[in-house]
Amino acid sequence: MVKGLYTAFTGMVNEQKRLEVMTNNLANSATTGYKKEAMVAQAFDERLAIKIKDTSALMNRPEGIGYISLGAKIGETYTNWDQGAFQITDKPSDVAIGGRGFFAISFTNRDGENSIMYTRDGSFVVDSDGYLRTSDGDYVLNQEGALNSQSTEDYYVQIDPSLPYAIAADGTISQDGEEVDTIGLIDIANYDYINKYGENMYTLIDGGEIIESEAILEQGTLEASNVNVVDEMVSMIQIARAYEAGQKIIQTEDQTLDKTVNTVGSV
C-alpha cells in the first residue's frame, strides 16, 4: 500500500513538471523563432517482489511473485527543432532562417560581460551607424566572426544606413550593386551541445562544434514559433486529468491504510 502512495506521488510530480514545460511553451507561442520543449518520463527500475515468511520455500529462499515498478521519474527535457511558419513583415531588416542554423550574436549580459550567443530570432534593426542589431541592442556578427567565434567590433555586420539594401539567401548584403557584408549564419554539428540561455538565445557548451549552415535566409520575413497552441492546450487538459487521478489514488490509499491500522489492527 505504501508503494501505491509513492507511485501516485511520483506520477503527480512528473505531471507537474510537464505542466511547467507546457506553460512555458504557451507563454512563448508568439516569440519569434522559439522552439518548443517537451519532456519524457522514465519508469524507475523494476524490483522483484517476494513472499514474506514463505515457509514453503526451499533452502530459505523466498519465492518471487513478480516484478513491480516504483513509479515514474522525470526524464530529460528536449527541444523540438521543427521549422516554424514564415510570417511576412516586409521590413527589410527582418530575416528568417529556413532550415538548420543560427544567427551569431555578440551578447552583453546585465553584468557587462560579453560572449557569443546564438538565436533564430531575426527581428533585427539597423542603427544610426549602420550596425545590424537585435531588438535588445546586441550586435549581429558577420560570417567570419560567426565561424571563428570572434565578437569584437571588427566582426559586427555594418552597412550604409542611408542606402537601401538587399539580403540574399546566403546572407550577403548588397547596396548599390556591391556586396558590403554578410550576415553570420552557422550551424552546430550536434545539438546536444547547445543549451537554452534565455532571452531567446542559445549558448554553445564545451565540446560543441560550429559548422557552416546550409540554411537559406528570407528577407522581410520572420520565423514564428513552432508551438501549436491547440496541441498544448489539449496536453494541459490531459495532464490535469492525470494529476487528478493521482490525487484520488492517494486518497484511496490513505483510506485503506486508515482502515487497516484502526480497524484490522484492533482485532
C-alpha atoms as a PDB file:
ATOM      1  CA  MET A   1       0.000   0.000   0.000  1.00  0.00           C
ATOM      2  CA  VAL A   2       2.843   2.387   0.764  1.00  0.00           C
ATOM      3  CA  LYS A   3       4.225   1.576  -2.678  1.00  0.00           C
ATOM      4  CA  GLY A   4       0.907   2.728  -4.113  1.00  0.00           C
ATOM      5  CA  LEU A   5       1.265   6.069  -2.354  1.00  0.00           C
ATOM      6  CA  TYR A   6       4.790   6.505  -3.671  1.00  0.00           C
ATOM      7  CA  THR A   7       3.800   5.533  -7.219  1.00  0.00           C
ATOM      8  CA  ALA A   8       0.964   8.075  -7.233  1.00  0.00           C
ATOM      9  CA  PHE A   9       3.223  10.741  -5.729  1.00  0.00           C
ATOM     10  CA  THR A  10       5.961  10.314  -8.343  1.00  0.00           C
ATOM     11  CA  GLY A  11       3.344  10.400 -11.091  1.00  0.00           C
ATOM     12  CA  MET A  12       1.953  13.694  -9.787  1.00  0.00           C
ATOM     13  CA  VAL A  13       5.431  15.230  -9.577  1.00  0.00           C
ATOM     14  CA  ASN A  14       6.072  14.144 -13.156  1.00  0.00           C
ATOM     15  CA  GLU A  15       2.808  15.694 -14.373  1.00  0.00           C
ATOM     16  CA  GLN A  16       3.590  18.917 -12.520  1.00  0.00           C
ATOM     17  CA  LYS A  17       6.913  19.184 -14.353  1.00  0.00           C
ATOM     18  CA  ARG A  18       5.199  18.504 -17.677  1.00  0.00           C
ATOM     19  CA  LEU A  19       2.719  21.269 -16.883  1.00  0.00           C
ATOM     20  CA  GLU A  20       5.581  23.715 -16.280  1.00  0.00           C
ATOM     21  CA  VAL A  21       7.057  22.848 -19.686  1.00  0.00           C
ATOM     22  CA  MET A  22       3.687  23.270 -21.421  1.00  0.00           C
ATOM     23  CA  THR A  23       3.066  26.588 -19.675  1.00  0.00           C
ATOM     24  CA  ASN A  24       6.432  27.894 -20.853  1.00  0.00           C
ATOM     25  CA  ASN A  25       5.623  26.824 -24.416  1.00  0.00           C
ATOM     26  CA  LEU A  26       2.308  28.671 -24.332  1.00  0.00           C
ATOM     27  CA  ALA A  27       3.949  31.774 -22.880  1.00  0.00           C
ATOM     28  CA  ASN A  28       6.381  31.800 -25.827  1.00  0.00           C
ATOM     29  CA  SER A  29       3.923  30.857 -28.566  1.00  0.00           C
ATOM     30  CA  ALA A  30       4.233  34.365 -30.040  1.00  0.00           C
ATOM     31  CA  THR A  31       8.031  34.598 -29.593  1.00  0.00           C
ATOM     32  CA  THR A  32       9.907  34.839 -32.890  1.00  0.00           C
ATOM     33  CA  GLY A  33      11.952  31.730 -33.658  1.00  0.00           C
ATOM     34  CA  TYR A  34      11.067  30.000 -30.379  1.00  0.00           C
ATOM     35  CA  LYS A  35      11.401  26.213 -30.348  1.00  0.00           C
ATOM     36  CA  LYS A  36       9.051  24.357 -28.059  1.00  0.00           C
ATOM     37  CA  GLU A  37      10.213  21.959 -25.383  1.00  0.00           C
ATOM     38  CA  ALA A  38       8.877  18.567 -24.386  1.00  0.00           C
ATOM     39  CA  MET A  39       9.623  16.187 -21.554  1.00  0.00           C
ATOM     40  CA  VAL A  40       9.900  12.430 -21.394  1.00  0.00           C
ATOM     41  CA  ALA A  41       9.197  10.320 -18.323  1.00  0.00           C
ATOM     42  CA  GLN A  42      11.083   7.236 -17.265  1.00  0.00           C
ATOM     43  CA  ALA A  43       9.992   4.374 -15.048  1.00  0.00           C
ATOM     44  CA  PHE A  44      12.051   3.535 -12.015  1.00  0.00           C
ATOM     45  CA  ASP A  45      13.853   0.221 -12.287  1.00  0.00           C
ATOM     46  CA  GLU A  46      11.575  -2.721 -11.567  1.00  0.00           C
ATOM     47  CA  ARG A  47      12.111  -4.671  -8.376  1.00  0.00           C
ATOM     48  CA  LEU A  48      11.334  -8.319  -7.653  1.00  0.00           C
ATOM     49  CA  ALA A  49       8.515  -8.777  -5.166  1.00  0.00           C
ATOM     50  CA  ILE A  50       8.871 -11.804  -2.884  1.00  0.00           C
ATOM     51  CA  LYS A  51       6.738 -13.543  -0.330  1.00  0.00           C
ATOM     52  CA  ILE A  52       7.412 -12.632   3.296  1.00  0.00           C
ATOM     53  CA  LYS A  53       7.960 -15.531   5.726  1.00  0.00           C
ATOM     54  CA  ASP A  54       7.459 -18.067   2.950  1.00  0.00           C
ATOM     55  CA  THR A  55       7.647 -21.358   4.887  1.00  0.00           C
ATOM     56  CA  SER A  56       7.087 -23.367   1.723  1.00  0.00           C
ATOM     57  CA  ALA A  57      10.272 -22.104   0.071  1.00  0.00           C
ATOM     58  CA  LEU A  58      13.211 -24.462  -0.188  1.00  0.00           C
ATOM     59  CA  MET A  59      16.512 -23.611   1.490  1.00  0.00           C
ATOM     60  CA  ASN A  60      15.057 -20.423   2.963  1.00  0.00           C
ATOM     61  CA  ARG A  61      14.878 -18.785  -0.444  1.00  0.00           C
ATOM     62  CA  PRO A  62      11.614 -16.834  -0.726  1.00  0.00           C
ATOM     63  CA  GLU A  63       9.618 -17.374  -3.887  1.00  0.00           C
ATOM     64  CA  GLY A  64       9.311 -14.483  -6.307  1.00  0.00           C
ATOM     65  CA  ILE A  65       5.777 -13.368  -7.092  1.00  0.00           C
ATOM     66  CA  GLY A  66       6.502 -10.922  -9.907  1.00  0.00           C
ATOM     67  CA  TYR A  67       8.044  -7.556 -10.659  1.00  0.00           C
ATOM     68  CA  ILE A  68       6.737  -4.149  -9.642  1.00  0.00           C
ATOM     69  CA  SER A  69       7.671  -0.609 -10.613  1.00  0.00           C
ATOM     70  CA  LEU A  70       8.040   2.128  -8.028  1.00  0.00           C
ATOM     71  CA  GLY A  71       6.542   4.800 -10.256  1.00  0.00           C
ATOM     72  CA  ALA A  72       7.714   7.353 -12.799  1.00  0.00           C
ATOM     73  CA  LYS A  73      10.646   9.712 -12.647  1.00  0.00           C
ATOM     74  CA  ILE A  74      11.359  12.840 -14.625  1.00  0.00           C
ATOM     75  CA  GLY A  75      13.411  12.072 -17.716  1.00  0.00           C
ATOM     76  CA  GLU A  76      15.012  14.654 -19.949  1.00  0.00           C
ATOM     77  CA  THR A  77      13.582  17.859 -21.341  1.00  0.00           C
ATOM     78  CA  TYR A  78      14.382  18.250 -25.011  1.00  0.00           C
ATOM     79  CA  THR A  79      13.882  20.886 -27.693  1.00  0.00           C
ATOM     80  CA  ASN A  80      11.749  20.294 -30.770  1.00  0.00           C
ATOM     81  CA  TRP A  81      13.678  21.818 -33.687  1.00  0.00           C
ATOM     82  CA  ASP A  82      10.890  21.619 -36.270  1.00  0.00           C
ATOM     83  CA  GLN A  83      10.691  24.589 -38.621  1.00  0.00           C
ATOM     84  CA  GLY A  84       8.286  27.360 -37.663  1.00  0.00           C
ATOM     85  CA  ALA A  85       5.988  29.037 -40.175  1.00  0.00           C
ATOM     86  CA  PHE A  86       7.184  32.138 -42.045  1.00  0.00           C
ATOM     87  CA  GLN A  87       5.434  35.433 -41.374  1.00  0.00           C
ATOM     88  CA  ILE A  88       5.897  38.180 -43.968  1.00  0.00           C
ATOM     89  CA  THR A  89       6.642  41.592 -42.431  1.00  0.00           C
ATOM     90  CA  ASP A  90       8.103  43.439 -45.463  1.00  0.00           C
ATOM     91  CA  LYS A  91      10.561  45.059 -43.054  1.00  0.00           C
ATOM     92  CA  PRO A  92      13.992  44.928 -44.762  1.00  0.00           C
ATOM     93  CA  SER A  93      15.926  44.227 -41.555  1.00  0.00           C
ATOM     94  CA  ASP A  94      13.763  41.214 -40.638  1.00  0.00           C
ATOM     95  CA  VAL A  95      15.328  37.896 -41.641  1.00  0.00           C
ATOM     96  CA  ALA A  96      14.040  34.336 -41.249  1.00  0.00           C
ATOM     97  CA  ILE A  97      16.114  31.148 -41.328  1.00  0.00           C
ATOM     98  CA  GLY A  98      14.814  28.317 -43.474  1.00  0.00           C
ATOM     99  CA  GLY A  99      16.458  25.080 -42.354  1.00  0.00           C
ATOM    100  CA  ARG A 100      19.026  24.265 -39.694  1.00  0.00           C
ATOM    101  CA  GLY A 101      21.082  27.186 -38.482  1.00  0.00           C
ATOM    102  CA  PHE A 102      21.543  30.134 -36.144  1.00  0.00           C
ATOM    103  CA  PHE A 103      22.498  33.779 -36.222  1.00  0.00           C
ATOM    104  CA  ALA A 104      25.600  34.578 -34.146  1.00  0.00           C
ATOM    105  CA  ILE A 105      25.209  37.473 -31.727  1.00  0.00           C
ATOM    106  CA  SER A 106      27.750  39.478 -29.716  1.00  0.00           C
ATOM    107  CA  PHE A 107      25.771  39.323 -26.481  1.00  0.00           C
ATOM    108  CA  THR A 108      26.308  41.515 -23.420  1.00  0.00           C
ATOM    109  CA  ASN A 109      24.645  40.413 -20.186  1.00  0.00           C
ATOM    110  CA  ARG A 110      23.439  42.602 -17.326  1.00  0.00           C
ATOM    111  CA  ASP A 111      26.876  42.474 -15.705  1.00  0.00           C
ATOM    112  CA  GLY A 112      28.509  43.878 -18.843  1.00  0.00           C
ATOM    113  CA  GLU A 113      30.141  40.545 -19.749  1.00  0.00           C
ATOM    114  CA  ASN A 114      30.412  39.798 -23.453  1.00  0.00           C
ATOM    115  CA  SER A 115      30.020  36.408 -25.108  1.00  0.00           C
ATOM    116  CA  ILE A 116      28.729  34.873 -28.322  1.00  0.00           C
ATOM    117  CA  MET A 117      25.156  33.632 -28.293  1.00  0.00           C
ATOM    118  CA  TYR A 118      23.060  32.027 -30.988  1.00  0.00           C
ATOM    119  CA  THR A 119      19.467  32.674 -31.967  1.00  0.00           C
ATOM    120  CA  ARG A 120      16.898  32.056 -34.688  1.00  0.00           C
ATOM    121  CA  ASP A 121      15.167  35.348 -33.951  1.00  0.00           C
ATOM    122  CA  GLY A 122      15.870  37.553 -36.964  1.00  0.00           C
ATOM    123  CA  SER A 123      13.904  40.628 -35.891  1.00  0.00           C
ATOM    124  CA  PHE A 124      16.855  42.970 -36.389  1.00  0.00           C
ATOM    125  CA  VAL A 125      17.209  46.745 -36.663  1.00  0.00           C
ATOM    126  CA  VAL A 126      19.810  48.982 -38.332  1.00  0.00           C
ATOM    127  CA  ASP A 127      21.080  51.726 -36.014  1.00  0.00           C
ATOM    128  CA  SER A 128      22.237  55.220 -36.984  1.00  0.00           C
ATOM    129  CA  ASP A 129      25.807  53.962 -37.500  1.00  0.00           C
ATOM    130  CA  GLY A 130      24.670  51.204 -39.842  1.00  0.00           C
ATOM    131  CA  TYR A 131      25.191  48.314 -37.419  1.00  0.00           C
ATOM    132  CA  LEU A 132      22.727  45.428 -37.577  1.00  0.00           C
ATOM    133  CA  ARG A 133      21.443  44.764 -34.059  1.00  0.00           C
ATOM    134  CA  THR A 134      18.892  42.632 -32.254  1.00  0.00           C
ATOM    135  CA  SER A 135      15.751  44.159 -30.786  1.00  0.00           C
ATOM    136  CA  ASP A 136      17.596  44.172 -27.432  1.00  0.00           C
ATOM    137  CA  GLY A 137      20.551  46.098 -28.870  1.00  0.00           C
ATOM    138  CA  ASP A 138      23.117  43.306 -29.249  1.00  0.00           C
ATOM    139  CA  TYR A 139      25.282  43.249 -32.377  1.00  0.00           C
ATOM    140  CA  VAL A 140      24.860  40.705 -35.163  1.00  0.00           C
ATOM    141  CA  LEU A 141      28.141  39.080 -36.234  1.00  0.00           C
ATOM    142  CA  ASN A 142      29.218  38.667 -39.845  1.00  0.00           C
ATOM    143  CA  GLN A 143      30.106  35.314 -41.377  1.00  0.00           C
ATOM    144  CA  GLU A 144      33.799  35.491 -40.496  1.00  0.00           C
ATOM    145  CA  GLY A 145      33.092  36.361 -36.884  1.00  0.00           C
ATOM    146  CA  ALA A 146      30.389  33.700 -36.573  1.00  0.00           C
ATOM    147  CA  LEU A 147      32.517  30.855 -37.945  1.00  0.00           C
ATOM    148  CA  ASN A 148      35.636  31.839 -35.995  1.00  0.00           C
ATOM    149  CA  SER A 149      33.889  32.834 -32.747  1.00  0.00           C
ATOM    150  CA  GLN A 150      35.112  36.422 -32.907  1.00  0.00           C
ATOM    151  CA  SER A 151      32.855  39.006 -31.261  1.00  0.00           C
ATOM    152  CA  THR A 152      34.842  42.251 -31.422  1.00  0.00           C
ATOM    153  CA  GLU A 153      33.619  45.340 -33.280  1.00  0.00           C
ATOM    154  CA  ASP A 154      35.552  44.385 -36.421  1.00  0.00           C
ATOM    155  CA  TYR A 155      33.142  41.482 -36.915  1.00  0.00           C
ATOM    156  CA  TYR A 156      29.867  43.357 -36.483  1.00  0.00           C
ATOM    157  CA  VAL A 157      27.593  43.500 -39.541  1.00  0.00           C
ATOM    158  CA  GLN A 158      27.623  47.092 -40.804  1.00  0.00           C
ATOM    159  CA  ILE A 159      26.068  48.827 -43.808  1.00  0.00           C
ATOM    160  CA  ASP A 160      25.445  52.385 -45.008  1.00  0.00           C
ATOM    161  CA  PRO A 161      22.256  53.382 -43.141  1.00  0.00           C
ATOM    162  CA  SER A 162      21.373  55.997 -45.761  1.00  0.00           C
ATOM    163  CA  LEU A 163      21.077  53.496 -48.624  1.00  0.00           C
ATOM    164  CA  PRO A 164      18.569  50.703 -49.310  1.00  0.00           C
ATOM    165  CA  TYR A 165      19.915  47.176 -49.047  1.00  0.00           C
ATOM    166  CA  ALA A 166      19.101  43.650 -50.123  1.00  0.00           C
ATOM    167  CA  ILE A 167      19.865  40.445 -48.229  1.00  0.00           C
ATOM    168  CA  ALA A 168      20.483  37.363 -50.354  1.00  0.00           C
ATOM    169  CA  ALA A 169      19.621  33.784 -49.397  1.00  0.00           C
ATOM    170  CA  ASP A 170      23.210  33.180 -48.246  1.00  0.00           C
ATOM    171  CA  GLY A 171      23.197  36.293 -46.030  1.00  0.00           C
ATOM    172  CA  THR A 172      25.142  38.546 -48.390  1.00  0.00           C
ATOM    173  CA  ILE A 173      24.099  42.199 -48.053  1.00  0.00           C
ATOM    174  CA  SER A 174      24.267  44.376 -51.163  1.00  0.00           C
ATOM    175  CA  GLN A 175      23.971  48.136 -51.609  1.00  0.00           C
ATOM    176  CA  ASP A 176      24.172  49.954 -54.950  1.00  0.00           C
ATOM    177  CA  GLY A 177      25.031  46.665 -56.629  1.00  0.00           C
ATOM    178  CA  GLU A 178      28.019  45.951 -54.366  1.00  0.00           C
ATOM    179  CA  GLU A 179      28.423  43.368 -51.618  1.00  0.00           C
ATOM    180  CA  VAL A 180      29.092  45.199 -48.359  1.00  0.00           C
ATOM    181  CA  ASP A 181      28.860  42.471 -45.697  1.00  0.00           C
ATOM    182  CA  THR A 182      27.436  39.030 -44.896  1.00  0.00           C
ATOM    183  CA  ILE A 183      25.172  38.083 -42.015  1.00  0.00           C
ATOM    184  CA  GLY A 184      26.764  35.309 -39.981  1.00  0.00           C
ATOM    185  CA  LEU A 185      24.825  32.062 -40.355  1.00  0.00           C
ATOM    186  CA  ILE A 186      26.198  28.929 -38.707  1.00  0.00           C
ATOM    187  CA  ASP A 187      25.034  25.541 -37.523  1.00  0.00           C
ATOM    188  CA  ILE A 188      26.008  23.225 -34.675  1.00  0.00           C
ATOM    189  CA  ALA A 189      27.253  19.751 -35.560  1.00  0.00           C
ATOM    190  CA  ASN A 190      25.446  18.154 -32.604  1.00  0.00           C
ATOM    191  CA  TYR A 191      22.520  19.909 -30.952  1.00  0.00           C
ATOM    192  CA  ASP A 192      23.238  18.072 -27.700  1.00  0.00           C
ATOM    193  CA  TYR A 193      25.959  20.699 -27.205  1.00  0.00           C
ATOM    194  CA  ILE A 194      23.720  23.759 -27.075  1.00  0.00           C
ATOM    195  CA  ASN A 195      21.673  24.963 -24.130  1.00  0.00           C
ATOM    196  CA  LYS A 196      18.880  27.483 -23.844  1.00  0.00           C
ATOM    197  CA  TYR A 197      20.260  30.578 -22.160  1.00  0.00           C
ATOM    198  CA  GLY A 198      17.112  32.684 -22.016  1.00  0.00           C
ATOM    199  CA  GLU A 199      16.122  35.852 -23.866  1.00  0.00           C
ATOM    200  CA  ASN A 200      15.576  33.651 -26.941  1.00  0.00           C
ATOM    201  CA  MET A 201      19.296  32.838 -27.033  1.00  0.00           C
ATOM    202  CA  TYR A 202      21.303  29.620 -27.037  1.00  0.00           C
ATOM    203  CA  THR A 203      24.814  29.049 -25.779  1.00  0.00           C
ATOM    204  CA  LEU A 204      27.410  26.564 -27.002  1.00  0.00           C
ATOM    205  CA  ILE A 205      28.760  24.237 -24.307  1.00  0.00           C
ATOM    206  CA  ASP A 206      32.185  22.613 -24.163  1.00  0.00           C
ATOM    207  CA  GLY A 207      32.655  20.124 -26.969  1.00  0.00           C
ATOM    208  CA  GLY A 208      30.246  21.828 -29.347  1.00  0.00           C
ATOM    209  CA  GLU A 209      31.443  22.269 -32.927  1.00  0.00           C
ATOM    210  CA  ILE A 210      30.449  25.185 -35.151  1.00  0.00           C
ATOM    211  CA  ILE A 211      29.949  24.315 -38.812  1.00  0.00           C
ATOM    212  CA  GLU A 212      28.676  26.136 -41.893  1.00  0.00           C
ATOM    213  CA  SER A 213      24.921  26.204 -42.275  1.00  0.00           C
ATOM    214  CA  GLU A 214      23.098  25.043 -45.392  1.00  0.00           C
ATOM    215  CA  ALA A 215      20.021  27.076 -44.467  1.00  0.00           C
ATOM    216  CA  ILE A 216      18.698  29.947 -46.543  1.00  0.00           C
ATOM    217  CA  LEU A 217      17.615  33.392 -45.413  1.00  0.00           C
ATOM    218  CA  GLU A 218      14.369  35.159 -46.298  1.00  0.00           C
ATOM    219  CA  GLN A 219      14.441  38.961 -46.096  1.00  0.00           C
ATOM    220  CA  GLY A 220      11.324  40.768 -44.908  1.00  0.00           C
ATOM    221  CA  THR A 221      10.154  37.636 -43.113  1.00  0.00           C
ATOM    222  CA  LEU A 222      10.240  36.237 -39.577  1.00  0.00           C
ATOM    223  CA  GLU A 223      10.029  32.650 -38.375  1.00  0.00           C
ATOM    224  CA  ALA A 224       7.142  32.097 -35.974  1.00  0.00           C
ATOM    225  CA  SER A 225       7.460  29.751 -33.018  1.00  0.00           C
ATOM    226  CA  ASN A 226       6.703  26.089 -33.692  1.00  0.00           C
ATOM    227  CA  VAL A 227       4.261  25.930 -30.770  1.00  0.00           C
ATOM    228  CA  ASN A 228       0.791  24.695 -31.704  1.00  0.00           C
ATOM    229  CA  VAL A 229      -1.439  26.355 -29.114  1.00  0.00           C
ATOM    230  CA  VAL A 230      -4.296  23.871 -29.591  1.00  0.00           C
ATOM    231  CA  ASP A 231      -1.992  20.873 -29.091  1.00  0.00           C
ATOM    232  CA  GLU A 232      -0.531  22.427 -25.959  1.00  0.00           C
ATOM    233  CA  MET A 233      -3.984  23.127 -24.511  1.00  0.00           C
ATOM    234  CA  VAL A 234      -5.100  19.544 -25.168  1.00  0.00           C
ATOM    235  CA  SER A 235      -1.936  18.263 -23.469  1.00  0.00           C
ATOM    236  CA  MET A 236      -2.603  20.503 -20.474  1.00  0.00           C
ATOM    237  CA  ILE A 237      -6.097  19.019 -20.103  1.00  0.00           C
ATOM    238  CA  GLN A 238      -4.621  15.513 -20.209  1.00  0.00           C
ATOM    239  CA  ILE A 239      -2.079  16.496 -17.570  1.00  0.00           C
ATOM    240  CA  ALA A 240      -4.818  17.903 -15.327  1.00  0.00           C
ATOM    241  CA  ARG A 241      -6.777  14.651 -15.599  1.00  0.00           C
ATOM    242  CA  ALA A 242      -3.715  12.555 -14.798  1.00  0.00           C
ATOM    243  CA  TYR A 243      -2.931  14.775 -11.802  1.00  0.00           C
ATOM    244  CA  GLU A 244      -6.493  14.388 -10.503  1.00  0.00           C
ATOM    245  CA  ALA A 245      -6.210  10.609 -10.907  1.00  0.00           C
ATOM    246  CA  GLY A 246      -3.042  10.652  -8.799  1.00  0.00           C
ATOM    247  CA  GLN A 247      -4.840  12.622  -6.089  1.00  0.00           C
ATOM    248  CA  LYS A 248      -7.689  10.108  -6.000  1.00  0.00           C
ATOM    249  CA  ILE A 249      -5.245   7.209  -5.740  1.00  0.00           C
ATOM    250  CA  ILE A 250      -3.562   8.834  -2.752  1.00  0.00           C
ATOM    251  CA  GLN A 251      -6.935   9.449  -1.091  1.00  0.00           C
ATOM    252  CA  THR A 252      -7.938   5.818  -1.648  1.00  0.00           C
ATOM    253  CA  GLU A 253      -4.616   4.531  -0.306  1.00  0.00           C
ATOM    254  CA  ASP A 254      -4.961   6.804   2.720  1.00  0.00           C
ATOM    255  CA  GLN A 255      -8.447   5.483   3.480  1.00  0.00           C
ATOM    256  CA  THR A 256      -7.244   1.895   3.097  1.00  0.00           C
ATOM    257  CA  LEU A 257      -4.293   2.493   5.417  1.00  0.00           C
ATOM    258  CA  ASP A 258      -6.564   4.163   7.963  1.00  0.00           C
ATOM    259  CA  LYS A 259      -8.925   1.190   7.941  1.00  0.00           C
ATOM    260  CA  THR A 260      -6.030  -1.257   8.204  1.00  0.00           C
ATOM    261  CA  VAL A 261      -4.471   0.487  11.190  1.00  0.00           C
ATOM    262  CA  ASN A 262      -7.614   1.421  13.106  1.00  0.00           C
ATOM    263  CA  THR A 263      -9.921  -1.481  12.268  1.00  0.00           C
ATOM    264  CA  VAL A 264      -7.921  -4.555  11.332  1.00  0.00           C
ATOM    265  CA  GLY A 265      -5.161  -3.704  13.796  1.00  0.00           C
ATOM    266  CA  SER A 266      -7.583  -3.514  16.707  1.00  0.00           C
ATOM    267  CA  VAL A 267      -8.909  -7.053  16.220  1.00  0.00           C
END
